[in-house]
Structures are given as structure tokens and as C-alpha cells.
């Protein structure tokens, strides 16, 4: 046992013995033993750099840390790509479903817009497949209130008009109504103009207004030989 009265020479001898006991594991030596060993090396003019085992340990830790960082970044990139791929697949599936069912529609998107006017001013319209069934949905605004009007795609008659009061539908209706406020032409006129300017055998399947650089513009999706295309039509 070492005490305050223990001679320095005795401490040196003990340190030497301890150093011999841990030749391959310098990190296991007590701190005072390592200090004494470094002093002896300095007196002899020896190398006082950290032992090789310490350098190797640090090197391994750096390699492991770098590897973990790379793996983490790769995981994030993979996750982002995974989400992007699924978003594309969902859109493709929706388009394929619409192509398969659109043949049952006997009226055009423009006729649906005209029919829905009895429930207010049309601010957007689209053919879509909901729960496996084709439907023609038109958003309208009347006296500050929004409605989703479902038009029978076989005869052009309004089946029902449901109030839009919350959620994403209400947010979308507000944006569409804002865009139509400064419009100089109706949404139906914009779709008619697009069809007239386009090639034959083209059919409008969706019309949604928005503001572009402060100007109202209708984004009109058309279908031509099973190919979808978005056409921007000015409303002012």
C-alpha cells in the first residue's frame, strides 16, 4: 500500500513493476504509472508519442464514426427516394383507373360545369375515380359558401350538392375561389378555348384555377390517346 511517506524511489520501482505487468495494455495502467513511464522515456531520449495501441484504438473509433455517418445519410436518401417512387406510382394508378373508366362518361367536363352552375359559380371540376367508381365532381361557390356538386356523367343531371365546411377540401375551395375572383372568363369558357386550340380527339378531364404571378390561370388536364397533358389557360 502506498502512503504519503512512501519514498519516491519505491514509487518508481512499483511503477516499473506495474508497467511490466501491462506491456500490451497501456490503457489499463494507472495514470500515475503511465506518467512515470513517460518521464523515464523522456530521460532516455525515447519516443514519448502515445503508444501504438492508443493510436489504433482512436483510428478504429474514427473509422466507425465515419461509417455510421455514411450509413445514416444513405438511409435518409433511400427513404426520400422510396417516398418519391410511391408518389409516382399512386399518380400512375389513378391515371390508369381514369383511362379505364372514362369511356362510361357520356358528357364532357364543360357540360358538367354548365350543369353545376345551378348550385353556384363553378370554381373547379374533374373526372375522378373514387372507391373504384367514376364520378364528375365540381366545386362551386354561392353566397360565400362552398359546395361539391356531383353530376351524373351519363346524362348531365345534378345528383347532389354537399356543403364543403372543413379540411383540405375547404382550403382548396378557398384558393380556387380567390383565383376566380379576378377572372374575366368562366372556367367553362377557359376549357372550351383550350379544346378549340388543341388537336382533335382531345378531352378535358380536370380544370383547376390558381394565381400565377398575380394573374388567374386555369390548369387544364387533357387526355389524348391515353396520354395526359396539362395546359395552362389564362383567365384574365
Foldseek 3Di string as FASTA:
>chain_A
DDDPPDDPVVVLVVLVVQCVVPVPPVVPGDPVSLVSVLVVCVVVVHDNPPDPVVVVVVVVVVVVVVVVVVVVVVVVVVVVVVVVVVVVVVVVVFLVLCVVAVVQFPDALLLLQVQCCVVAAWLKWFWGADPSRTWIWTWHDDPRWIWIWTADRHPSHTPDIHTDDDDPVVVQSVQSVVLCPPFPDGQSVQVVVVQVPDDPQKGWGIWHWHADPNFIWIWTWIAHPSDIDTDITGRD
